């Protein structure tokens, strides 16, 4: 799946994305919130993303800005019968952590 904005693309991850996503995970401002990850863990997460989601599985998208991998965003349907809601998580490489991209991400994500 792919969602496109003017300069921003959200797309399903592929095996080729694992190394760059791991590098971003290792940046201090990302690792602070997401914790440490090994390359093998990220490769497994990317491989798992190719499978259809079940239950509370998250659905990830690589964030690209002008063709460069900038991070990842994912959503999950939290299936509480009394209070159905969704969760959205994301991380951006330090070079993309500017407020303007947050607006662009949201517009692309929500289709506005």
Foldseek 3Di string as FASTA:
>chain_A
DWFDDPFKIWAQDDLVCLVVQLVQCPPPVNCVPVNHDDSVRSSVVSVVLVDDDDAFDKHKTFMGGNNHGFWMKIKTFHDDPVDTDMDIDIGGRPVPPDPVVVVVVVCRVVVD
